Amino acid sequence: MRSKKKLFKQSEKVVILLFLMVACVLSVQVLFLYFDKQAEVRATSEKHYEQVAAENIDREKADKEQAKQLDVKEKAVQSKSDKSSEQNSPTKAPPNDSQNAVKKSDENDTTEKTKAQTKHEKVAYLTIDDGPSDVEDEILDLLAKYDAKATFFMLEPNIRKYPDAVKRIVEDGHAVGLHGVSHNAEKFYRSEQSVLQEMNQTQKAVEKITGVRATLIRTPFGSSPGMTPQYKQAVKNKGYQLWDWNVDSRDWKDTNRRFVQNSISQIEKLASRGEDPIILIHSKRTTLNHLSELLDYLKGQDYVLEALDETMEPHQLQ
């Protein structure tokens, strides 16, 4: 009887071993199939990218050739037009010194106007959230140094804590915005009434300190997805203008100078599309430490830093 049991156990072990061996073989086969499939996908992708790159190169060559032909045609037409104008135009007396002086003056005026227009074509809007804070005066000093205006979206508890900073923001010509009370998404977006209640409370705090009735608002964490169409209509009906941003510096996460590079890369993409940057930063020490680098870049790119106002069409996240 014992020998039978022993034989049964040995048989059971053999079966288990065979099962494990079969499972291992199948697993290896599955892995080989997976890697083969991945290699096939990679090869297909590389082939696709190479094809797209080749098509782009061919398209660029065709565009350049077409542009060259158009340029030649335009020059030929312009040359004929110039010759015709020279033949038909009456002979003019050479201008005297007085005329030359007037002409030169007009050209200088035109050049100066063109420079001024070019300088003011590029506008950047710096928006500063969550303040005021203990670094607000330093931020304001830095903005004054760069002749820059900004928009401050402030929280009601901080407004009451730093009333002198709020007064100075207004006195320095910056725009005052409202950012609510709790900065808690669950509380803020609970209903239309909770949104309006927080903004109304913040508006009253600003008005009590400065006499300014602020209507620019930014909701906590941005309007998407918390601000439903009904919520947006409710704040609009109360006379508020809801603003988001199109450049997220991520200074709330990157406490080093990386937020400056984040901003610059987004600003350059917007510039390529002819769009003005609306830059989100926050009122805190780590942002202030590197803010001058961002301002240097904007000034170096001939941006004029202006504040948002009630007459502008608000930008909102989608």
C-alpha atoms as a PDB file:
ATOM      1  CA  MET A   1       0.000   0.000   0.000  1.00  0.00           C
ATOM      2  CA  ARG A   2       2.833   2.340   0.908  1.00  0.00           C
ATOM      3  CA  SER A   3       4.624   1.615  -2.347  1.00  0.00           C
ATOM      4  CA  LYS A   4       1.449   2.506  -4.265  1.00  0.00           C
ATOM      5  CA  LYS A   5       1.139   5.820  -2.432  1.00  0.00           C
ATOM      6  CA  LYS A   6       4.807   6.547  -3.037  1.00  0.00           C
ATOM      7  CA  LEU A   7       4.422   5.704  -6.722  1.00  0.00           C
ATOM      8  CA  PHE A   8       1.344   7.957  -6.925  1.00  0.00           C
ATOM      9  CA  LYS A   9       3.215  10.866  -5.392  1.00  0.00           C
ATOM     10  CA  GLN A  10       6.127  10.388  -7.766  1.00  0.00           C
ATOM     11  CA  SER A  11       3.707  10.307 -10.708  1.00  0.00           C
ATOM     12  CA  GLU A  12       2.061  13.457  -9.422  1.00  0.00           C
ATOM     13  CA  LYS A  13       5.445  15.218  -9.275  1.00  0.00           C
ATOM     14  CA  VAL A  14       6.260  14.134 -12.815  1.00  0.00           C
ATOM     15  CA  VAL A  15       2.932  15.510 -14.069  1.00  0.00           C
ATOM     16  CA  ILE A  16       3.546  18.811 -12.304  1.00  0.00           C
ATOM     17  CA  LEU A  17       7.060  19.048 -13.740  1.00  0.00           C
ATOM     18  CA  LEU A  18       5.763  18.288 -17.226  1.00  0.00           C
ATOM     19  CA  PHE A  19       3.064  20.916 -16.807  1.00  0.00           C
ATOM     20  CA  LEU A  20       5.634  23.506 -15.693  1.00  0.00           C
ATOM     21  CA  MET A  21       7.910  22.674 -18.610  1.00  0.00           C
ATOM     22  CA  VAL A  22       5.035  23.063 -21.076  1.00  0.00           C
ATOM     23  CA  ALA A  23       4.065  26.382 -19.457  1.00  0.00           C
ATOM     24  CA  CYS A  24       7.663  27.632 -19.718  1.00  0.00           C
ATOM     25  CA  VAL A  25       7.871  26.658 -23.391  1.00  0.00           C
ATOM     26  CA  LEU A  26       4.570  28.396 -24.127  1.00  0.00           C
ATOM     27  CA  SER A  27       5.682  31.495 -22.221  1.00  0.00           C
ATOM     28  CA  VAL A  28       8.919  31.678 -24.212  1.00  0.00           C
ATOM     29  CA  GLN A  29       6.963  31.334 -27.459  1.00  0.00           C
ATOM     30  CA  VAL A  30       4.570  34.092 -26.402  1.00  0.00           C
ATOM     31  CA  LEU A  31       7.514  36.353 -25.554  1.00  0.00           C
ATOM     32  CA  PHE A  32       9.135  35.681 -28.915  1.00  0.00           C
ATOM     33  CA  LEU A  33       5.843  36.484 -30.670  1.00  0.00           C
ATOM     34  CA  TYR A  34       5.496  39.699 -28.642  1.00  0.00           C
ATOM     35  CA  PHE A  35       9.025  40.884 -29.443  1.00  0.00           C
ATOM     36  CA  ASP A  36       8.560  40.009 -33.116  1.00  0.00           C
ATOM     37  CA  LYS A  37       5.348  42.019 -33.153  1.00  0.00           C
ATOM     38  CA  GLN A  38       7.032  44.991 -31.458  1.00  0.00           C
ATOM     39  CA  ALA A  39       9.868  44.882 -33.964  1.00  0.00           C
ATOM     40  CA  GLU A  40       7.338  44.812 -36.785  1.00  0.00           C
ATOM     41  CA  VAL A  41       5.487  47.805 -35.316  1.00  0.00           C
ATOM     42  CA  ARG A  42       8.756  49.730 -34.887  1.00  0.00           C
ATOM     43  CA  ALA A  43       9.799  48.962 -38.430  1.00  0.00           C
ATOM     44  CA  THR A  44       6.409  50.084 -39.752  1.00  0.00           C
ATOM     45  CA  SER A  45       6.556  53.286 -37.705  1.00  0.00           C
ATOM     46  CA  GLU A  46      10.089  54.077 -38.837  1.00  0.00           C
ATOM     47  CA  LYS A  47       9.093  53.460 -42.440  1.00  0.00           C
ATOM     48  CA  HIS A  48       6.081  55.735 -42.011  1.00  0.00           C
ATOM     49  CA  TYR A  49       8.154  58.538 -40.462  1.00  0.00           C
ATOM     50  CA  GLU A  50      10.774  58.217 -43.182  1.00  0.00           C
ATOM     51  CA  GLN A  51       8.052  58.435 -45.815  1.00  0.00           C
ATOM     52  CA  VAL A  52       6.513  61.507 -44.163  1.00  0.00           C
ATOM     53  CA  ALA A  53       9.940  63.144 -43.862  1.00  0.00           C
ATOM     54  CA  ALA A  54      10.648  62.469 -47.534  1.00  0.00           C
ATOM     55  CA  GLU A  55       7.274  63.883 -48.527  1.00  0.00           C
ATOM     56  CA  ASN A  56       7.937  66.998 -46.432  1.00  0.00           C
ATOM     57  CA  ILE A  57      11.331  67.483 -48.079  1.00  0.00           C
ATOM     58  CA  ASP A  58       9.784  67.108 -51.543  1.00  0.00           C
ATOM     59  CA  ARG A  59       7.014  69.530 -50.582  1.00  0.00           C
ATOM     60  CA  GLU A  60       9.511  72.083 -49.282  1.00  0.00           C
ATOM     61  CA  LYS A  61      11.534  71.827 -52.488  1.00  0.00           C
ATOM     62  CA  ALA A  62       8.401  72.312 -54.581  1.00  0.00           C
ATOM     63  CA  ASP A  63       7.339  75.300 -52.468  1.00  0.00           C
ATOM     64  CA  LYS A  64      10.772  76.893 -52.779  1.00  0.00           C
ATOM     65  CA  GLU A  65      10.801  76.365 -56.541  1.00  0.00           C
ATOM     66  CA  GLN A  66       7.313  77.828 -56.857  1.00  0.00           C
ATOM     67  CA  ALA A  67       8.266  80.811 -54.698  1.00  0.00           C
ATOM     68  CA  LYS A  68      11.377  81.363 -56.822  1.00  0.00           C
ATOM     69  CA  GLN A  69       9.317  81.349 -60.029  1.00  0.00           C
ATOM     70  CA  LEU A  70       6.788  83.765 -58.542  1.00  0.00           C
ATOM     71  CA  ASP A  71       9.602  86.039 -57.392  1.00  0.00           C
ATOM     72  CA  VAL A  72      11.092  86.088 -60.918  1.00  0.00           C
ATOM     73  CA  LYS A  73       7.689  86.924 -62.422  1.00  0.00           C
ATOM     74  CA  GLU A  74       7.052  89.689 -59.897  1.00  0.00           C
ATOM     75  CA  LYS A  75      10.456  91.233 -60.561  1.00  0.00           C
ATOM     76  CA  ALA A  76       9.832  91.150 -64.314  1.00  0.00           C
ATOM     77  CA  VAL A  77       6.452  92.836 -63.921  1.00  0.00           C
ATOM     78  CA  GLN A  78       7.899  95.416 -61.524  1.00  0.00           C
ATOM     79  CA  SER A  79      10.765  96.161 -63.933  1.00  0.00           C
ATOM     80  CA  LYS A  80       8.326  96.772 -66.810  1.00  0.00           C
ATOM     81  CA  SER A  81       6.191  98.972 -64.584  1.00  0.00           C
ATOM     82  CA  ASP A  82       9.214 101.019 -63.474  1.00  0.00           C
ATOM     83  CA  LYS A  83      10.372 101.535 -67.060  1.00  0.00           C
ATOM     84  CA  SER A  84       6.898 102.604 -68.121  1.00  0.00           C
ATOM     85  CA  SER A  85       6.689 105.068 -65.230  1.00  0.00           C
ATOM     86  CA  GLU A  86      10.076 106.566 -66.089  1.00  0.00           C
ATOM     87  CA  GLN A  87       9.114 107.050 -69.737  1.00  0.00           C
ATOM     88  CA  ASN A  88       5.726 108.619 -68.962  1.00  0.00           C
ATOM     89  CA  SER A  89       6.711 110.796 -66.011  1.00  0.00           C
ATOM     90  CA  PRO A  90       7.676 114.440 -66.693  1.00  0.00           C
ATOM     91  CA  THR A  91      11.212 115.614 -65.898  1.00  0.00           C
ATOM     92  CA  LYS A  92      11.358 117.045 -62.410  1.00  0.00           C
ATOM     93  CA  ALA A  93      13.708 119.688 -61.112  1.00  0.00           C
ATOM     94  CA  PRO A  94      16.144 118.436 -58.501  1.00  0.00           C
ATOM     95  CA  PRO A  95      14.946 119.152 -54.947  1.00  0.00           C
ATOM     96  CA  ASN A  96      16.587 122.036 -53.132  1.00  0.00           C
ATOM     97  CA  ASP A  97      18.127 121.832 -49.661  1.00  0.00           C
ATOM     98  CA  SER A  98      14.902 122.931 -47.976  1.00  0.00           C
ATOM     99  CA  GLN A  99      12.912 120.198 -49.674  1.00  0.00           C
ATOM    100  CA  ASN A 100      15.595 117.660 -48.768  1.00  0.00           C
ATOM    101  CA  ALA A 101      15.429 118.734 -45.119  1.00  0.00           C
ATOM    102  CA  VAL A 102      11.623 118.417 -45.031  1.00  0.00           C
ATOM    103  CA  LYS A 103      11.777 115.024 -46.751  1.00  0.00           C
ATOM    104  CA  LYS A 104      14.433 113.787 -44.317  1.00  0.00           C
ATOM    105  CA  SER A 105      12.379 115.021 -41.365  1.00  0.00           C
ATOM    106  CA  ASP A 106       9.284 113.243 -42.676  1.00  0.00           C
ATOM    107  CA  GLU A 107      11.265 110.046 -43.180  1.00  0.00           C
ATOM    108  CA  ASN A 108      12.608 110.252 -39.625  1.00  0.00           C
ATOM    109  CA  ASP A 109       9.095 110.790 -38.250  1.00  0.00           C
ATOM    110  CA  THR A 110       7.809 107.833 -40.251  1.00  0.00           C
ATOM    111  CA  THR A 111      10.704 105.663 -39.045  1.00  0.00           C
ATOM    112  CA  GLU A 112      10.072 106.624 -35.414  1.00  0.00           C
ATOM    113  CA  LYS A 113       6.349 105.913 -35.793  1.00  0.00           C
ATOM    114  CA  THR A 114       7.099 102.549 -37.392  1.00  0.00           C
ATOM    115  CA  LYS A 115       9.496 101.689 -34.557  1.00  0.00           C
ATOM    116  CA  ALA A 116       6.913 102.684 -31.959  1.00  0.00           C
ATOM    117  CA  GLN A 117       4.210 100.643 -33.683  1.00  0.00           C
ATOM    118  CA  THR A 118       6.522  97.634 -33.979  1.00  0.00           C
ATOM    119  CA  LYS A 119       7.496  97.971 -30.334  1.00  0.00           C
ATOM    120  CA  HIS A 120       3.886  97.984 -29.183  1.00  0.00           C
ATOM    121  CA  GLU A 121       2.634  95.245 -31.485  1.00  0.00           C
ATOM    122  CA  LYS A 122       3.826  92.532 -29.094  1.00  0.00           C
ATOM    123  CA  VAL A 123       1.953  92.571 -25.797  1.00  0.00           C
ATOM    124  CA  ALA A 124       2.342  90.146 -22.901  1.00  0.00           C
ATOM    125  CA  TYR A 125      -0.014  89.875 -19.953  1.00  0.00           C
ATOM    126  CA  LEU A 126       1.552  88.766 -16.672  1.00  0.00           C
ATOM    127  CA  THR A 127      -1.096  87.426 -14.263  1.00  0.00           C
ATOM    128  CA  ILE A 128      -0.216  86.728 -10.634  1.00  0.00           C
ATOM    129  CA  ASP A 129      -2.419  84.415  -8.560  1.00  0.00           C
ATOM    130  CA  ASP A 130      -2.997  83.607  -4.872  1.00  0.00           C
ATOM    131  CA  GLY A 131      -1.700  86.872  -3.407  1.00  0.00           C
ATOM    132  CA  PRO A 132      -1.093  89.162  -1.877  1.00  0.00           C
ATOM    133  CA  SER A 133       1.710  87.579   0.104  1.00  0.00           C
ATOM    134  CA  ASP A 134       4.731  88.593   2.139  1.00  0.00           C
ATOM    135  CA  VAL A 135       6.727  89.083  -1.097  1.00  0.00           C
ATOM    136  CA  GLU A 136       4.173  91.361  -2.794  1.00  0.00           C
ATOM    137  CA  ASP A 137       6.161  94.556  -2.257  1.00  0.00           C
ATOM    138  CA  GLU A 138       9.266  92.937  -3.745  1.00  0.00           C
ATOM    139  CA  ILE A 139       7.264  91.780  -6.759  1.00  0.00           C
ATOM    140  CA  LEU A 140       5.894  95.294  -7.201  1.00  0.00           C
ATOM    141  CA  ASP A 141       9.398  96.786  -6.912  1.00  0.00           C
ATOM    142  CA  LEU A 142      10.627  94.423  -9.640  1.00  0.00           C
ATOM    143  CA  LEU A 143       7.704  95.217 -11.937  1.00  0.00           C
ATOM    144  CA  ALA A 144       8.356  98.940 -11.482  1.00  0.00           C
ATOM    145  CA  LYS A 145      12.009  98.412 -12.392  1.00  0.00           C
ATOM    146  CA  TYR A 146      10.956  96.824 -15.710  1.00  0.00           C
ATOM    147  CA  ASP A 147       8.138  99.325 -16.322  1.00  0.00           C
ATOM    148  CA  ALA A 148       5.780  96.345 -16.393  1.00  0.00           C
ATOM    149  CA  LYS A 149       2.092  96.201 -15.535  1.00  0.00           C
ATOM    150  CA  ALA A 150       0.421  93.023 -14.315  1.00  0.00           C
ATOM    151  CA  THR A 151      -2.936  91.653 -13.179  1.00  0.00           C
ATOM    152  CA  PHE A 152      -3.221  90.345  -9.612  1.00  0.00           C
ATOM    153  CA  PHE A 153      -5.908  87.700  -9.009  1.00  0.00           C
ATOM    154  CA  MET A 154      -6.164  87.788  -5.211  1.00  0.00           C
ATOM    155  CA  LEU A 155      -7.706  85.668  -2.456  1.00  0.00           C
ATOM    156  CA  GLU A 156      -9.991  87.329   0.100  1.00  0.00           C
ATOM    157  CA  PRO A 157      -8.154  86.089   3.241  1.00  0.00           C
ATOM    158  CA  ASN A 158      -4.855  87.427   1.859  1.00  0.00           C
ATOM    159  CA  ILE A 159      -6.483  90.718   0.874  1.00  0.00           C
ATOM    160  CA  ARG A 160      -7.506  91.235   4.509  1.00  0.00           C
ATOM    161  CA  LYS A 161      -4.045  90.114   5.706  1.00  0.00           C
ATOM    162  CA  TYR A 162      -2.046  92.472   3.429  1.00  0.00           C
ATOM    163  CA  PRO A 163      -4.263  95.536   2.819  1.00  0.00           C
ATOM    164  CA  ASP A 164      -1.307  97.866   2.172  1.00  0.00           C
ATOM    165  CA  ALA A 165      -0.097  95.619  -0.649  1.00  0.00           C
ATOM    166  CA  VAL A 166      -3.561  95.747  -2.229  1.00  0.00           C
ATOM    167  CA  LYS A 167      -3.530  99.542  -2.043  1.00  0.00           C
ATOM    168  CA  ARG A 168      -0.102  99.691  -3.640  1.00  0.00           C
ATOM    169  CA  ILE A 169      -1.169  97.387  -6.485  1.00  0.00           C
ATOM    170  CA  VAL A 170      -3.865  99.893  -7.386  1.00  0.00           C
ATOM    171  CA  GLU A 171      -1.624 102.937  -6.849  1.00  0.00           C
ATOM    172  CA  ASP A 172       1.078 101.464  -9.117  1.00  0.00           C
ATOM    173  CA  GLY A 173      -1.408 101.112 -11.971  1.00  0.00           C
ATOM    174  CA  HIS A 174      -1.819  97.348 -11.985  1.00  0.00           C
ATOM    175  CA  ALA A 175      -5.138  95.580 -12.514  1.00  0.00           C
ATOM    176  CA  VAL A 176      -6.987  94.019  -9.585  1.00  0.00           C
ATOM    177  CA  GLY A 177      -8.618  90.636 -10.091  1.00  0.00           C
ATOM    178  CA  LEU A 178     -10.607  88.295  -7.846  1.00  0.00           C
ATOM    179  CA  HIS A 179      -9.609  84.688  -7.126  1.00  0.00           C
ATOM    180  CA  GLY A 180     -12.203  83.716  -4.540  1.00  0.00           C
ATOM    181  CA  VAL A 181     -12.020  82.861  -0.845  1.00  0.00           C
ATOM    182  CA  SER A 182     -11.406  79.170  -0.151  1.00  0.00           C
ATOM    183  CA  HIS A 183      -9.276  78.077  -3.127  1.00  0.00           C
ATOM    184  CA  ASN A 184     -10.931  74.715  -2.524  1.00  0.00           C
ATOM    185  CA  ALA A 185     -12.405  73.135  -5.660  1.00  0.00           C
ATOM    186  CA  GLU A 186     -14.971  71.084  -3.766  1.00  0.00           C
ATOM    187  CA  LYS A 187     -16.323  74.121  -1.915  1.00  0.00           C
ATOM    188  CA  PHE A 188     -15.964  76.646  -4.719  1.00  0.00           C
ATOM    189  CA  TYR A 189     -17.623  74.652  -7.538  1.00  0.00           C
ATOM    190  CA  ARG A 190     -20.425  73.233  -5.387  1.00  0.00           C
ATOM    191  CA  SER A 191     -23.059  75.400  -7.091  1.00  0.00           C
ATOM    192  CA  GLU A 192     -23.650  78.660  -8.974  1.00  0.00           C
ATOM    193  CA  GLN A 193     -24.310  80.321  -5.634  1.00  0.00           C
ATOM    194  CA  SER A 194     -21.041  79.124  -4.073  1.00  0.00           C
ATOM    195  CA  VAL A 195     -19.098  80.553  -7.045  1.00  0.00           C
ATOM    196  CA  LEU A 196     -20.888  83.891  -6.862  1.00  0.00           C
ATOM    197  CA  GLN A 197     -20.720  84.051  -3.057  1.00  0.00           C
ATOM    198  CA  GLU A 198     -16.914  83.695  -3.039  1.00  0.00           C
ATOM    199  CA  MET A 199     -16.400  86.235  -5.819  1.00  0.00           C
ATOM    200  CA  ASN A 200     -18.820  88.739  -4.277  1.00  0.00           C
ATOM    201  CA  GLN A 201     -17.096  88.422  -0.893  1.00  0.00           C
ATOM    202  CA  THR A 202     -13.689  89.022  -2.489  1.00  0.00           C
ATOM    203  CA  GLN A 203     -15.011  91.960  -4.500  1.00  0.00           C
ATOM    204  CA  LYS A 204     -16.323  93.620  -1.340  1.00  0.00           C
ATOM    205  CA  ALA A 205     -12.966  93.167   0.415  1.00  0.00           C
ATOM    206  CA  VAL A 206     -11.098  94.890  -2.447  1.00  0.00           C
ATOM    207  CA  GLU A 207     -13.648  97.681  -2.696  1.00  0.00           C
ATOM    208  CA  LYS A 208     -13.526  98.353   1.049  1.00  0.00           C
ATOM    209  CA  ILE A 209      -9.733  98.764   0.982  1.00  0.00           C
ATOM    210  CA  THR A 210      -9.217 100.532  -2.353  1.00  0.00           C
ATOM    211  CA  GLY A 211     -12.580 101.872  -3.498  1.00  0.00           C
ATOM    212  CA  VAL A 212     -12.152  99.852  -6.710  1.00  0.00           C
ATOM    213  CA  ARG A 213     -15.000  97.573  -7.772  1.00  0.00           C
ATOM    214  CA  ALA A 214     -13.061  94.763  -9.464  1.00  0.00           C
ATOM    215  CA  THR A 215     -14.823  92.623 -12.081  1.00  0.00           C
ATOM    216  CA  LEU A 216     -11.957  90.559 -13.508  1.00  0.00           C
ATOM    217  CA  ILE A 217     -12.079  87.051 -12.038  1.00  0.00           C
ATOM    218  CA  ARG A 218     -10.093  83.826 -12.215  1.00  0.00           C
ATOM    219  CA  THR A 219     -11.504  80.700 -10.639  1.00  0.00           C
ATOM    220  CA  PRO A 220      -9.325  78.263  -8.636  1.00  0.00           C
ATOM    221  CA  PHE A 221      -7.324  75.876 -10.850  1.00  0.00           C
ATOM    222  CA  GLY A 222      -8.793  77.467 -13.982  1.00  0.00           C
ATOM    223  CA  SER A 223     -12.308  77.437 -15.378  1.00  0.00           C
ATOM    224  CA  SER A 224     -12.091  74.006 -17.022  1.00  0.00           C
ATOM    225  CA  PRO A 225     -13.803  71.735 -16.167  1.00  0.00           C
ATOM    226  CA  GLY A 226     -15.341  73.231 -12.998  1.00  0.00           C
ATOM    227  CA  MET A 227     -17.099  76.203 -14.574  1.00  0.00           C
ATOM    228  CA  THR A 228     -20.051  74.701 -16.397  1.00  0.00           C
ATOM    229  CA  PRO A 229     -21.867  76.755 -19.067  1.00  0.00           C
ATOM    230  CA  GLN A 230     -24.490  77.600 -16.423  1.00  0.00           C
ATOM    231  CA  TYR A 231     -21.822  78.811 -13.984  1.00  0.00           C
ATOM    232  CA  LYS A 232     -20.168  80.911 -16.684  1.00  0.00           C
ATOM    233  CA  GLN A 233     -23.463  82.516 -17.582  1.00  0.00           C
ATOM    234  CA  ALA A 234     -24.163  83.235 -13.909  1.00  0.00           C
ATOM    235  CA  VAL A 235     -20.915  85.165 -13.376  1.00  0.00           C
ATOM    236  CA  LYS A 236     -21.350  86.959 -16.706  1.00  0.00           C
ATOM    237  CA  ASN A 237     -24.841  88.057 -15.665  1.00  0.00           C
ATOM    238  CA  LYS A 238     -23.305  89.566 -12.504  1.00  0.00           C
ATOM    239  CA  GLY A 239     -20.877  91.623 -14.580  1.00  0.00           C
ATOM    240  CA  TYR A 240     -17.758  89.515 -14.053  1.00  0.00           C
ATOM    241  CA  GLN A 241     -15.207  88.749 -16.790  1.00  0.00           C
ATOM    242  CA  LEU A 242     -13.757  85.250 -16.431  1.00  0.00           C
ATOM    243  CA  TRP A 243     -10.060  84.908 -17.371  1.00  0.00           C
ATOM    244  CA  ASP A 244      -7.764  81.905 -17.658  1.00  0.00           C
ATOM    245  CA  TRP A 245      -4.291  81.795 -19.260  1.00  0.00           C
ATOM    246  CA  ASN A 246      -2.529  80.374 -22.321  1.00  0.00           C
ATOM    247  CA  VAL A 247       0.927  80.070 -20.703  1.00  0.00           C
ATOM    248  CA  ASP A 248       1.151  77.923 -17.570  1.00  0.00           C
ATOM    249  CA  SER A 249       4.582  78.617 -16.071  1.00  0.00           C
ATOM    250  CA  ARG A 250       4.127  75.664 -13.696  1.00  0.00           C
ATOM    251  CA  ASP A 251       5.836  77.710 -10.991  1.00  0.00           C
ATOM    252  CA  TRP A 252       3.391  76.035  -8.606  1.00  0.00           C
ATOM    253  CA  LYS A 253       5.354  72.817  -9.252  1.00  0.00           C
ATOM    254  CA  ASP A 254       8.786  73.898 -10.493  1.00  0.00           C
ATOM    255  CA  THR A 255      10.178  75.979  -7.662  1.00  0.00           C
ATOM    256  CA  ASN A 256      13.482  76.559  -9.483  1.00  0.00           C
ATOM    257  CA  ARG A 257      14.210  78.513 -12.674  1.00  0.00           C
ATOM    258  CA  ARG A 258      12.694  75.739 -14.788  1.00  0.00           C
ATOM    259  CA  PHE A 259       9.383  77.624 -14.743  1.00  0.00           C
ATOM    260  CA  VAL A 260      11.062  80.372 -16.780  1.00  0.00           C
ATOM    261  CA  GLN A 261      12.021  77.923 -19.543  1.00  0.00           C
ATOM    262  CA  ASN A 262       8.521  76.397 -19.403  1.00  0.00           C
ATOM    263  CA  SER A 263       7.079  79.857 -19.998  1.00  0.00           C
ATOM    264  CA  ILE A 264       9.494  80.808 -22.785  1.00  0.00           C
ATOM    265  CA  SER A 265       8.825  77.647 -24.802  1.00  0.00           C
ATOM    266  CA  GLN A 266       5.059  78.284 -24.631  1.00  0.00           C
ATOM    267  CA  ILE A 267       5.453  81.992 -25.432  1.00  0.00           C
ATOM    268  CA  GLU A 268       7.494  81.161 -28.547  1.00  0.00           C
ATOM    269  CA  LYS A 269       4.808  78.769 -29.793  1.00  0.00           C
ATOM    270  CA  LEU A 270       2.165  81.467 -29.322  1.00  0.00           C
ATOM    271  CA  ALA A 271       4.376  84.019 -31.092  1.00  0.00           C
ATOM    272  CA  SER A 272       4.625  81.739 -34.125  1.00  0.00           C
ATOM    273  CA  ARG A 273       0.813  81.910 -34.324  1.00  0.00           C
ATOM    274  CA  GLY A 274       0.673  85.649 -33.688  1.00  0.00           C
ATOM    275  CA  GLU A 275      -0.999  85.252 -30.270  1.00  0.00           C
ATOM    276  CA  ASP A 276      -0.305  87.355 -27.174  1.00  0.00           C
ATOM    277  CA  PRO A 277       0.813  85.393 -24.091  1.00  0.00           C
ATOM    278  CA  ILE A 278      -1.278  85.456 -20.911  1.00  0.00           C
ATOM    279  CA  ILE A 279       1.191  84.104 -18.379  1.00  0.00           C
ATOM    280  CA  LEU A 280       0.194  82.399 -15.135  1.00  0.00           C
ATOM    281  CA  ILE A 281       2.551  82.796 -12.168  1.00  0.00           C
ATOM    282  CA  HIS A 282       2.001  82.865  -8.411  1.00  0.00           C
ATOM    283  CA  SER A 283       2.798  85.265  -5.602  1.00  0.00           C
ATOM    284  CA  LYS A 284       5.537  83.372  -3.774  1.00  0.00           C
ATOM    285  CA  ARG A 285       9.219  83.621  -2.966  1.00  0.00           C
ATOM    286  CA  THR A 286      10.410  80.835  -5.299  1.00  0.00           C
ATOM    287  CA  THR A 287       8.767  82.583  -8.242  1.00  0.00           C
ATOM    288  CA  LEU A 288      10.157  85.984  -7.306  1.00  0.00           C
ATOM    289  CA  ASN A 289      13.673  84.512  -7.163  1.00  0.00           C
ATOM    290  CA  HIS A 290      13.681  83.929 -10.945  1.00  0.00           C
ATOM    291  CA  LEU A 291      11.043  86.379 -12.183  1.00  0.00           C
ATOM    292  CA  SER A 292      13.637  88.884 -13.425  1.00  0.00           C
ATOM    293  CA  GLU A 293      14.902  86.273 -15.914  1.00  0.00           C
ATOM    294  CA  LEU A 294      11.428  85.971 -17.433  1.00  0.00           C
ATOM    295  CA  LEU A 295      11.051  89.750 -17.552  1.00  0.00           C
ATOM    296  CA  ASP A 296      14.469  90.059 -19.225  1.00  0.00           C
ATOM    297  CA  TYR A 297      13.356  87.635 -21.922  1.00  0.00           C
ATOM    298  CA  LEU A 298      10.063  89.452 -22.547  1.00  0.00           C
ATOM    299  CA  LYS A 299      11.746  92.849 -22.758  1.00  0.00           C
ATOM    300  CA  GLY A 300      14.467  91.415 -24.973  1.00  0.00           C
ATOM    301  CA  GLN A 301      11.775  90.177 -27.357  1.00  0.00           C
ATOM    302  CA  ASP A 302      10.207  93.685 -27.442  1.00  0.00           C
ATOM    303  CA  TYR A 303       7.112  92.691 -25.494  1.00  0.00           C
ATOM    304  CA  VAL A 304       5.218  95.431 -23.681  1.00  0.00           C
ATOM    305  CA  LEU A 305       3.817  94.119 -20.398  1.00  0.00           C
ATOM    306  CA  GLU A 306       0.294  95.388 -19.848  1.00  0.00           C
ATOM    307  CA  ALA A 307      -2.570  94.656 -17.470  1.00  0.00           C
ATOM    308  CA  LEU A 308      -5.841  93.036 -18.470  1.00  0.00           C
ATOM    309  CA  ASP A 309      -8.910  95.254 -18.487  1.00  0.00           C
ATOM    310  CA  GLU A 310     -12.695  95.019 -18.648  1.00  0.00           C
ATOM    311  CA  THR A 311     -12.900  96.003 -22.323  1.00  0.00           C
ATOM    312  CA  MET A 312     -10.942  92.958 -23.533  1.00  0.00           C
ATOM    313  CA  GLU A 313     -12.416  89.641 -24.660  1.00  0.00           C
ATOM    314  CA  PRO A 314     -11.507  87.147 -21.907  1.00  0.00           C
ATOM    315  CA  HIS A 315      -9.457  84.078 -22.757  1.00  0.00           C
ATOM    316  CA  GLN A 316     -10.780  80.861 -21.271  1.00  0.00           C
ATOM    317  CA  LEU A 317      -9.509  77.275 -21.182  1.00  0.00           C
ATOM    318  CA  GLN A 318     -11.374  74.795 -23.332  1.00  0.00           C
END
